[in-house]
N, C-alpha and C. Protein backbone atom coordinates (compact mmCIF):
# COMPACT_ATOMS: atom_id res chain seq x y z
N MET A 1 14.11 40.56 -99.98
CA MET A 1 13.73 41.60 -99.05
C MET A 1 14.21 41.27 -97.62
N GLN A 2 14.07 40.01 -97.27
CA GLN A 2 14.47 39.58 -95.93
C GLN A 2 15.99 39.73 -95.76
N LYS A 3 16.76 39.44 -96.80
CA LYS A 3 18.21 39.58 -96.74
C LYS A 3 18.60 41.04 -96.57
N ILE A 4 17.93 41.93 -97.23
CA ILE A 4 18.21 43.36 -97.10
C ILE A 4 17.91 43.83 -95.69
N LEU A 5 16.79 43.37 -95.15
CA LEU A 5 16.42 43.74 -93.78
C LEU A 5 17.47 43.23 -92.78
N LEU A 6 17.95 41.99 -92.96
CA LEU A 6 18.99 41.44 -92.09
C LEU A 6 20.29 42.23 -92.22
N LEU A 7 20.62 42.63 -93.43
CA LEU A 7 21.83 43.43 -93.65
C LEU A 7 21.72 44.77 -92.95
N ILE A 8 20.59 45.41 -93.04
CA ILE A 8 20.39 46.71 -92.36
C ILE A 8 20.49 46.53 -90.86
N MET A 9 19.89 45.48 -90.32
CA MET A 9 19.97 45.24 -88.87
C MET A 9 21.41 45.00 -88.45
N PHE A 10 22.18 44.27 -89.26
CA PHE A 10 23.59 44.01 -88.96
C PHE A 10 24.39 45.31 -88.94
N ILE A 11 24.17 46.16 -89.93
CA ILE A 11 24.89 47.44 -90.01
C ILE A 11 24.55 48.32 -88.82
N VAL A 12 23.29 48.40 -88.45
CA VAL A 12 22.88 49.20 -87.29
C VAL A 12 23.50 48.65 -86.02
N SER A 13 23.49 47.33 -85.84
CA SER A 13 24.09 46.71 -84.64
C SER A 13 25.59 46.97 -84.59
N ALA A 14 26.26 46.87 -85.73
CA ALA A 14 27.70 47.11 -85.77
C ALA A 14 28.00 48.56 -85.44
N ALA A 15 27.19 49.49 -85.93
CA ALA A 15 27.39 50.92 -85.64
C ALA A 15 27.19 51.19 -84.15
N GLU A 16 26.18 50.57 -83.54
CA GLU A 16 25.95 50.76 -82.10
C GLU A 16 27.11 50.20 -81.29
N LEU A 17 27.60 49.03 -81.68
CA LEU A 17 28.73 48.42 -80.98
C LEU A 17 29.98 49.29 -81.10
N GLN A 18 30.24 49.82 -82.29
CA GLN A 18 31.40 50.67 -82.50
C GLN A 18 31.29 51.95 -81.67
N ALA A 19 30.09 52.48 -81.52
CA ALA A 19 29.88 53.70 -80.74
C ALA A 19 30.19 53.48 -79.27
N GLN A 20 30.07 52.21 -78.79
CA GLN A 20 30.33 51.91 -77.38
C GLN A 20 31.81 51.73 -77.08
N VAL A 21 32.65 51.56 -78.11
CA VAL A 21 34.08 51.36 -77.90
C VAL A 21 34.72 52.69 -77.57
N LEU A 22 35.49 52.71 -76.49
CA LEU A 22 36.16 53.92 -76.04
C LEU A 22 37.31 54.26 -76.98
N PRO A 23 37.35 55.49 -77.51
CA PRO A 23 38.48 55.87 -78.37
C PRO A 23 39.80 55.69 -77.63
N LYS A 24 40.85 55.33 -78.36
CA LYS A 24 42.13 54.99 -77.76
C LYS A 24 42.76 56.14 -76.99
N ASP A 25 42.43 57.38 -77.33
CA ASP A 25 43.08 58.51 -76.66
C ASP A 25 42.18 59.18 -75.63
N SER A 26 41.05 58.59 -75.31
CA SER A 26 40.12 59.25 -74.39
C SER A 26 40.38 58.80 -72.95
N ILE A 27 39.94 59.64 -72.03
CA ILE A 27 40.07 59.34 -70.61
C ILE A 27 38.95 58.38 -70.22
N PRO A 28 39.25 57.31 -69.49
CA PRO A 28 38.20 56.37 -69.09
C PRO A 28 37.10 57.08 -68.29
N PRO A 29 35.85 56.66 -68.45
CA PRO A 29 34.75 57.29 -67.72
C PRO A 29 34.99 57.30 -66.21
N GLY A 30 34.72 58.42 -65.57
CA GLY A 30 34.88 58.56 -64.13
C GLY A 30 36.31 58.75 -63.68
N SER A 31 37.24 58.90 -64.62
CA SER A 31 38.65 59.03 -64.28
C SER A 31 39.20 60.39 -64.68
N ALA A 32 40.35 60.71 -64.11
CA ALA A 32 41.11 61.91 -64.47
C ALA A 32 42.56 61.48 -64.68
N THR A 33 43.26 62.20 -65.52
CA THR A 33 44.66 61.88 -65.77
C THR A 33 45.50 62.32 -64.59
N LEU A 34 46.28 61.39 -64.04
CA LEU A 34 47.20 61.71 -62.95
C LEU A 34 48.51 62.21 -63.52
N ALA A 35 49.09 61.44 -64.46
CA ALA A 35 50.40 61.82 -65.01
C ALA A 35 50.66 61.04 -66.29
N PHE A 36 51.57 61.60 -67.09
CA PHE A 36 52.02 60.99 -68.33
C PHE A 36 53.53 60.87 -68.25
N TYR A 37 54.07 59.67 -68.53
CA TYR A 37 55.51 59.41 -68.46
C TYR A 37 55.98 58.82 -69.78
N GLU A 38 57.27 59.03 -70.06
CA GLU A 38 57.88 58.38 -71.21
C GLU A 38 59.34 58.11 -70.92
N GLY A 39 59.91 57.17 -71.68
CA GLY A 39 61.33 56.85 -71.53
C GLY A 39 61.78 55.89 -72.60
N ARG A 40 63.07 55.71 -72.68
CA ARG A 40 63.68 54.76 -73.59
C ARG A 40 64.48 53.78 -72.76
N THR A 41 64.08 52.52 -72.84
CA THR A 41 64.72 51.51 -72.02
C THR A 41 65.44 50.49 -72.89
N ALA A 42 66.44 49.86 -72.30
CA ALA A 42 67.06 48.72 -72.98
C ALA A 42 66.01 47.63 -73.08
N CYS A 43 66.06 46.85 -74.12
CA CYS A 43 65.00 45.87 -74.39
C CYS A 43 65.26 44.50 -73.80
N ARG A 44 66.40 43.91 -74.09
CA ARG A 44 66.65 42.50 -73.73
C ARG A 44 66.46 42.22 -72.25
N GLU A 45 66.86 43.16 -71.41
CA GLU A 45 66.81 42.94 -69.97
C GLU A 45 65.39 42.98 -69.42
N ILE A 46 64.48 43.67 -70.10
CA ILE A 46 63.11 43.78 -69.59
C ILE A 46 62.23 42.63 -70.05
N LEU A 47 62.64 41.91 -71.09
CA LEU A 47 61.82 40.82 -71.61
C LEU A 47 61.51 39.75 -70.55
N PRO A 48 62.50 39.28 -69.76
CA PRO A 48 62.16 38.27 -68.74
C PRO A 48 61.24 38.82 -67.64
N VAL A 49 61.34 40.12 -67.35
CA VAL A 49 60.48 40.74 -66.33
C VAL A 49 59.02 40.65 -66.75
N LEU A 50 58.78 40.77 -68.05
CA LEU A 50 57.42 40.77 -68.58
C LEU A 50 57.01 39.42 -69.16
N ASN A 51 57.83 38.38 -68.93
CA ASN A 51 57.57 37.05 -69.48
C ASN A 51 57.34 37.10 -70.99
N MET A 52 58.22 37.82 -71.67
CA MET A 52 58.14 37.94 -73.12
C MET A 52 59.29 37.18 -73.75
N PRO A 53 59.09 36.64 -74.96
CA PRO A 53 60.15 35.86 -75.61
C PRO A 53 61.36 36.73 -75.96
N HIS A 54 62.53 36.12 -75.91
CA HIS A 54 63.78 36.81 -76.24
C HIS A 54 63.82 37.11 -77.73
N ARG A 55 64.17 38.35 -78.05
CA ARG A 55 64.31 38.76 -79.45
C ARG A 55 65.67 39.43 -79.60
N GLU A 56 66.57 38.79 -80.31
CA GLU A 56 67.94 39.29 -80.46
C GLU A 56 67.98 40.68 -81.06
N GLU A 57 67.08 40.98 -81.99
CA GLU A 57 67.10 42.27 -82.67
C GLU A 57 66.56 43.41 -81.80
N CYS A 58 66.01 43.11 -80.66
CA CYS A 58 65.41 44.13 -79.81
C CYS A 58 66.50 44.81 -78.98
N ALA A 59 66.80 46.07 -79.29
CA ALA A 59 67.84 46.81 -78.57
C ALA A 59 67.25 47.82 -77.60
N LYS A 60 66.16 48.48 -77.98
CA LYS A 60 65.56 49.49 -77.10
C LYS A 60 64.05 49.47 -77.24
N ARG A 61 63.41 50.06 -76.26
CA ARG A 61 61.96 50.24 -76.27
C ARG A 61 61.66 51.70 -75.96
N LYS A 62 60.79 52.26 -76.75
CA LYS A 62 60.31 53.62 -76.50
C LYS A 62 58.98 53.46 -75.79
N VAL A 63 58.96 53.75 -74.50
CA VAL A 63 57.81 53.44 -73.65
C VAL A 63 57.10 54.72 -73.24
N TRP A 64 55.77 54.67 -73.22
CA TRP A 64 54.98 55.76 -72.66
C TRP A 64 53.92 55.16 -71.73
N LEU A 65 53.54 55.93 -70.73
CA LEU A 65 52.58 55.46 -69.72
C LEU A 65 51.70 56.62 -69.28
N VAL A 66 50.40 56.37 -69.25
CA VAL A 66 49.45 57.34 -68.70
C VAL A 66 48.77 56.67 -67.51
N LEU A 67 48.79 57.35 -66.37
CA LEU A 67 48.12 56.85 -65.17
C LEU A 67 46.84 57.66 -64.95
N TYR A 68 45.75 56.95 -64.68
CA TYR A 68 44.46 57.58 -64.42
C TYR A 68 44.04 57.27 -62.98
N VAL A 69 43.32 58.21 -62.38
CA VAL A 69 42.77 58.03 -61.04
C VAL A 69 41.27 58.30 -61.08
N ASP A 70 40.56 57.76 -60.12
CA ASP A 70 39.14 58.01 -59.97
C ASP A 70 38.92 59.49 -59.66
N LYS A 71 37.98 60.12 -60.33
CA LYS A 71 37.74 61.56 -60.14
C LYS A 71 37.31 61.90 -58.72
N VAL A 72 36.58 61.02 -58.07
CA VAL A 72 36.04 61.30 -56.75
C VAL A 72 37.02 60.91 -55.64
N THR A 73 37.50 59.68 -55.68
CA THR A 73 38.34 59.17 -54.59
C THR A 73 39.82 59.47 -54.80
N HIS A 74 40.21 59.77 -56.02
CA HIS A 74 41.61 59.99 -56.40
C HIS A 74 42.47 58.74 -56.22
N LEU A 75 41.83 57.58 -56.15
CA LEU A 75 42.55 56.31 -56.07
C LEU A 75 42.87 55.82 -57.48
N PRO A 76 43.89 54.98 -57.64
CA PRO A 76 44.24 54.46 -58.97
C PRO A 76 43.05 53.80 -59.64
N SER A 77 42.89 54.06 -60.93
CA SER A 77 41.82 53.40 -61.67
C SER A 77 42.38 52.58 -62.82
N MET A 78 42.95 53.23 -63.82
CA MET A 78 43.45 52.54 -65.00
C MET A 78 44.80 53.09 -65.41
N TYR A 79 45.48 52.33 -66.24
CA TYR A 79 46.68 52.84 -66.90
C TYR A 79 46.57 52.50 -68.38
N ARG A 80 47.34 53.20 -69.18
CA ARG A 80 47.47 52.93 -70.62
C ARG A 80 48.97 52.98 -70.91
N ILE A 81 49.51 51.92 -71.52
CA ILE A 81 50.95 51.85 -71.76
C ILE A 81 51.21 51.42 -73.21
N GLY A 82 52.26 51.97 -73.78
CA GLY A 82 52.69 51.60 -75.13
C GLY A 82 54.18 51.37 -75.15
N GLY A 83 54.64 50.66 -76.15
CA GLY A 83 56.06 50.37 -76.28
C GLY A 83 56.48 49.09 -75.60
N MET A 84 55.53 48.35 -75.06
CA MET A 84 55.83 47.11 -74.34
C MET A 84 55.42 45.87 -75.12
N GLY A 85 55.35 45.99 -76.44
CA GLY A 85 55.00 44.84 -77.27
C GLY A 85 53.66 44.25 -76.88
N ILE A 86 53.64 42.93 -76.63
CA ILE A 86 52.38 42.27 -76.29
C ILE A 86 51.82 42.73 -74.94
N ARG A 87 52.59 43.41 -74.15
CA ARG A 87 52.13 43.92 -72.86
C ARG A 87 51.59 45.35 -72.96
N SER A 88 51.60 45.93 -74.16
CA SER A 88 51.02 47.27 -74.35
C SER A 88 49.51 47.17 -74.23
N GLY A 89 48.89 48.26 -73.78
CA GLY A 89 47.44 48.29 -73.66
C GLY A 89 47.00 48.97 -72.39
N THR A 90 45.86 48.54 -71.87
CA THR A 90 45.30 49.14 -70.67
C THR A 90 45.13 48.08 -69.59
N GLY A 91 44.98 48.56 -68.36
CA GLY A 91 44.76 47.66 -67.25
C GLY A 91 44.59 48.44 -65.96
N LYS A 92 44.50 47.71 -64.88
CA LYS A 92 44.36 48.33 -63.56
C LYS A 92 45.75 48.49 -62.93
N TRP A 93 45.86 49.50 -62.06
CA TRP A 93 47.11 49.68 -61.34
C TRP A 93 46.80 49.96 -59.88
N ALA A 94 47.78 49.75 -59.03
CA ALA A 94 47.61 49.93 -57.59
C ALA A 94 48.88 50.52 -56.99
N ILE A 95 48.74 51.07 -55.81
CA ILE A 95 49.88 51.61 -55.07
C ILE A 95 50.20 50.66 -53.93
N GLU A 96 51.48 50.26 -53.85
CA GLU A 96 51.96 49.37 -52.79
C GLU A 96 53.13 50.03 -52.09
N LYS A 97 53.55 49.43 -51.00
CA LYS A 97 54.72 49.93 -50.29
C LYS A 97 55.78 48.84 -50.22
N GLY A 98 57.03 49.31 -50.32
CA GLY A 98 58.15 48.43 -50.03
C GLY A 98 58.89 47.84 -51.20
N ILE A 99 60.22 47.97 -51.11
CA ILE A 99 61.17 47.25 -51.95
C ILE A 99 62.24 46.73 -51.00
N PRO A 100 63.08 45.79 -51.45
CA PRO A 100 64.13 45.31 -50.54
C PRO A 100 64.95 46.46 -49.95
N HIS A 101 65.10 46.45 -48.67
CA HIS A 101 65.89 47.43 -47.90
C HIS A 101 65.20 48.79 -47.76
N HIS A 102 64.00 48.97 -48.31
CA HIS A 102 63.26 50.23 -48.18
C HIS A 102 61.77 49.92 -48.05
N PRO A 103 61.32 49.54 -46.84
CA PRO A 103 59.94 49.11 -46.66
C PRO A 103 58.90 50.21 -46.88
N GLU A 104 59.29 51.47 -46.83
CA GLU A 104 58.33 52.56 -46.99
C GLU A 104 58.29 53.13 -48.41
N ALA A 105 59.09 52.59 -49.31
CA ALA A 105 59.12 53.08 -50.69
C ALA A 105 57.76 52.90 -51.35
N ILE A 106 57.36 53.85 -52.18
CA ILE A 106 56.08 53.78 -52.89
C ILE A 106 56.31 53.11 -54.24
N VAL A 107 55.52 52.06 -54.48
CA VAL A 107 55.64 51.27 -55.71
C VAL A 107 54.28 51.25 -56.41
N TYR A 108 54.29 51.51 -57.71
CA TYR A 108 53.10 51.36 -58.53
C TYR A 108 53.16 49.97 -59.18
N ARG A 109 52.08 49.19 -59.03
CA ARG A 109 52.01 47.86 -59.64
C ARG A 109 50.99 47.91 -60.77
N LEU A 110 51.45 47.66 -62.00
CA LEU A 110 50.59 47.62 -63.16
C LEU A 110 50.23 46.17 -63.44
N ASP A 111 48.95 45.85 -63.37
CA ASP A 111 48.49 44.49 -63.63
C ASP A 111 48.44 44.28 -65.14
N MET A 112 49.29 43.38 -65.63
CA MET A 112 49.37 43.10 -67.07
C MET A 112 48.90 41.68 -67.38
N GLY A 113 47.93 41.21 -66.63
CA GLY A 113 47.43 39.85 -66.84
C GLY A 113 48.25 38.85 -66.06
N GLU A 114 49.05 38.06 -66.77
CA GLU A 114 49.83 37.02 -66.10
C GLU A 114 51.06 37.55 -65.38
N VAL A 115 51.42 38.81 -65.60
CA VAL A 115 52.56 39.43 -64.92
C VAL A 115 52.16 40.81 -64.42
N SER A 116 52.97 41.32 -63.53
CA SER A 116 52.82 42.71 -63.07
C SER A 116 54.11 43.45 -63.34
N LEU A 117 53.99 44.72 -63.66
CA LEU A 117 55.16 45.58 -63.82
C LEU A 117 55.22 46.48 -62.60
N PHE A 118 56.38 46.51 -61.93
CA PHE A 118 56.57 47.31 -60.73
C PHE A 118 57.37 48.57 -61.07
N LEU A 119 56.87 49.71 -60.62
CA LEU A 119 57.52 50.99 -60.85
C LEU A 119 57.72 51.69 -59.51
N LEU A 120 58.96 51.98 -59.18
CA LEU A 120 59.27 52.70 -57.95
C LEU A 120 59.09 54.19 -58.20
N LYS A 121 58.33 54.85 -57.35
CA LYS A 121 58.14 56.30 -57.47
C LYS A 121 59.35 56.99 -56.85
N GLY A 122 60.20 57.58 -57.70
CA GLY A 122 61.35 58.33 -57.19
C GLY A 122 60.89 59.64 -56.57
N ASP A 123 60.09 60.36 -57.34
CA ASP A 123 59.40 61.58 -56.90
C ASP A 123 58.29 61.80 -57.91
N GLU A 124 57.73 63.01 -57.96
CA GLU A 124 56.63 63.27 -58.89
C GLU A 124 57.07 63.23 -60.35
N GLN A 125 58.38 63.29 -60.60
CA GLN A 125 58.89 63.41 -61.96
C GLN A 125 59.43 62.13 -62.56
N VAL A 126 59.73 61.12 -61.75
CA VAL A 126 60.43 59.95 -62.29
C VAL A 126 59.93 58.65 -61.65
N LEU A 127 59.82 57.61 -62.50
CA LEU A 127 59.50 56.26 -62.05
C LEU A 127 60.64 55.34 -62.49
N PHE A 128 61.03 54.43 -61.62
CA PHE A 128 62.08 53.47 -61.92
C PHE A 128 61.46 52.10 -62.14
N ILE A 129 61.77 51.46 -63.25
CA ILE A 129 61.25 50.14 -63.54
C ILE A 129 62.02 49.11 -62.72
N LEU A 130 61.28 48.23 -62.04
CA LEU A 130 61.87 47.22 -61.17
C LEU A 130 61.68 45.83 -61.76
N ASP A 131 62.48 44.88 -61.28
CA ASP A 131 62.29 43.49 -61.71
C ASP A 131 61.18 42.84 -60.90
N LYS A 132 60.98 41.54 -61.06
CA LYS A 132 59.88 40.84 -60.39
C LYS A 132 60.02 40.81 -58.87
N GLN A 133 61.26 40.93 -58.37
CA GLN A 133 61.49 40.94 -56.92
C GLN A 133 61.58 42.37 -56.38
N LYS A 134 61.21 43.33 -57.20
CA LYS A 134 61.23 44.76 -56.86
C LYS A 134 62.64 45.29 -56.62
N ASN A 135 63.59 44.77 -57.39
CA ASN A 135 64.95 45.29 -57.39
C ASN A 135 65.13 46.17 -58.62
N PHE A 136 66.07 47.10 -58.55
CA PHE A 136 66.34 47.98 -59.69
C PHE A 136 66.87 47.18 -60.87
N LEU A 137 66.43 47.55 -62.07
CA LEU A 137 67.03 47.02 -63.30
C LEU A 137 68.18 47.95 -63.67
N VAL A 138 69.28 47.37 -64.14
CA VAL A 138 70.45 48.17 -64.48
C VAL A 138 70.45 48.39 -65.99
N GLY A 139 70.53 49.63 -66.40
CA GLY A 139 70.55 49.97 -67.81
C GLY A 139 71.94 49.79 -68.40
N ASN A 140 72.17 50.46 -69.51
CA ASN A 140 73.47 50.41 -70.14
C ASN A 140 73.90 51.83 -70.50
N ALA A 141 74.94 51.99 -71.27
CA ALA A 141 75.46 53.32 -71.59
C ALA A 141 74.45 54.18 -72.35
N GLN A 142 73.49 53.55 -73.04
CA GLN A 142 72.54 54.30 -73.85
C GLN A 142 71.16 54.45 -73.24
N TYR A 143 70.71 53.44 -72.48
CA TYR A 143 69.33 53.44 -72.01
C TYR A 143 69.26 53.09 -70.52
N SER A 144 68.30 53.70 -69.86
CA SER A 144 68.08 53.40 -68.45
C SER A 144 66.68 52.82 -68.29
N TYR A 145 66.35 52.42 -67.09
CA TYR A 145 65.02 51.91 -66.80
C TYR A 145 64.26 52.95 -65.99
N THR A 146 64.15 54.13 -66.55
CA THR A 146 63.41 55.21 -65.91
C THR A 146 62.36 55.74 -66.88
N LEU A 147 61.26 56.17 -66.31
CA LEU A 147 60.23 56.88 -67.06
C LEU A 147 60.13 58.27 -66.45
N ASN A 148 60.21 59.28 -67.29
CA ASN A 148 60.17 60.66 -66.83
C ASN A 148 58.82 61.28 -67.13
N ARG A 149 58.33 62.06 -66.19
CA ARG A 149 57.05 62.73 -66.36
C ARG A 149 57.15 63.75 -67.48
N VAL A 150 56.12 63.78 -68.31
CA VAL A 150 56.07 64.72 -69.43
C VAL A 150 55.13 65.84 -69.07
N LYS A 151 55.65 67.05 -69.10
CA LYS A 151 54.81 68.22 -68.86
C LYS A 151 54.63 69.03 -70.13
N ASP A 152 55.55 68.84 -71.08
CA ASP A 152 55.50 69.56 -72.34
C ASP A 152 54.30 69.08 -73.15
N LYS A 153 53.32 69.92 -73.35
CA LYS A 153 52.10 69.55 -74.05
C LYS A 153 52.37 69.13 -75.49
N ARG A 154 53.40 69.67 -76.13
CA ARG A 154 53.70 69.27 -77.51
C ARG A 154 54.12 67.81 -77.56
N SER A 155 54.94 67.37 -76.61
CA SER A 155 55.36 65.98 -76.57
C SER A 155 54.15 65.07 -76.30
N TRP A 156 53.32 65.48 -75.33
CA TRP A 156 52.14 64.70 -74.99
C TRP A 156 51.21 64.63 -76.21
N SER A 157 51.05 65.72 -76.93
CA SER A 157 50.19 65.74 -78.12
C SER A 157 50.70 64.76 -79.17
N LYS A 158 52.02 64.68 -79.32
CA LYS A 158 52.61 63.75 -80.28
C LYS A 158 52.21 62.32 -79.93
N TRP A 159 52.31 61.96 -78.65
CA TRP A 159 51.95 60.61 -78.23
C TRP A 159 50.46 60.37 -78.40
N ARG A 160 49.63 61.37 -78.08
CA ARG A 160 48.18 61.21 -78.23
C ARG A 160 47.82 60.94 -79.68
N GLU A 161 48.52 61.61 -80.61
CA GLU A 161 48.27 61.36 -82.04
C GLU A 161 48.64 59.93 -82.41
N LEU A 162 49.76 59.43 -81.88
CA LEU A 162 50.16 58.05 -82.17
C LEU A 162 49.14 57.06 -81.58
N ILE A 163 48.68 57.33 -80.36
CA ILE A 163 47.70 56.45 -79.72
C ILE A 163 46.42 56.44 -80.56
N HIS A 164 45.97 57.63 -80.93
CA HIS A 164 44.73 57.76 -81.68
C HIS A 164 44.82 57.08 -83.05
N SER A 165 46.01 57.12 -83.67
CA SER A 165 46.18 56.53 -85.00
C SER A 165 46.16 55.00 -84.95
N GLY A 166 46.28 54.45 -83.75
CA GLY A 166 46.31 52.99 -83.61
C GLY A 166 47.66 52.40 -83.96
N ALA A 167 48.70 53.23 -83.98
CA ALA A 167 50.04 52.74 -84.32
C ALA A 167 50.44 51.64 -83.35
N SER A 168 51.10 50.63 -83.86
CA SER A 168 51.56 49.55 -82.99
C SER A 168 52.88 49.95 -82.36
N PHE A 169 53.07 49.56 -81.13
CA PHE A 169 54.27 49.98 -80.38
C PHE A 169 55.06 48.76 -80.04
């Protein structure tokens, strides 16, 4: 009888804990979606920027990024990124100023734990991925280091389904 009671308590505790976990495709509490971006980048060149091990078979990365802001202050709150291997996930982001030769440029800094990813805001539609010194990364004939804003709800819905399914990126 005691074992059954312990089992029931464990199941109830596990259910309560699971209910507290934020679904992968939901907006963080107190936040609003600022923008959704996606792009296809060359892989090998971005690995050192993110302190990731070299993988010869890695030719491209299909990257998506959602930026969230605080509903009240409209300041950066969280980001959610996929396609960055071990750097995929969520974290905090901030707005900074300055890149070499352009001190007033707007840069988004994504805190990824031991590294940060720097994104230069070209305009409302495009972000440029920068290296650790905030210099432009140079793409190749097939892929660039740009993320383009997605306005097409069908494309966004496709990504939301992948996020919700827990697919690894």
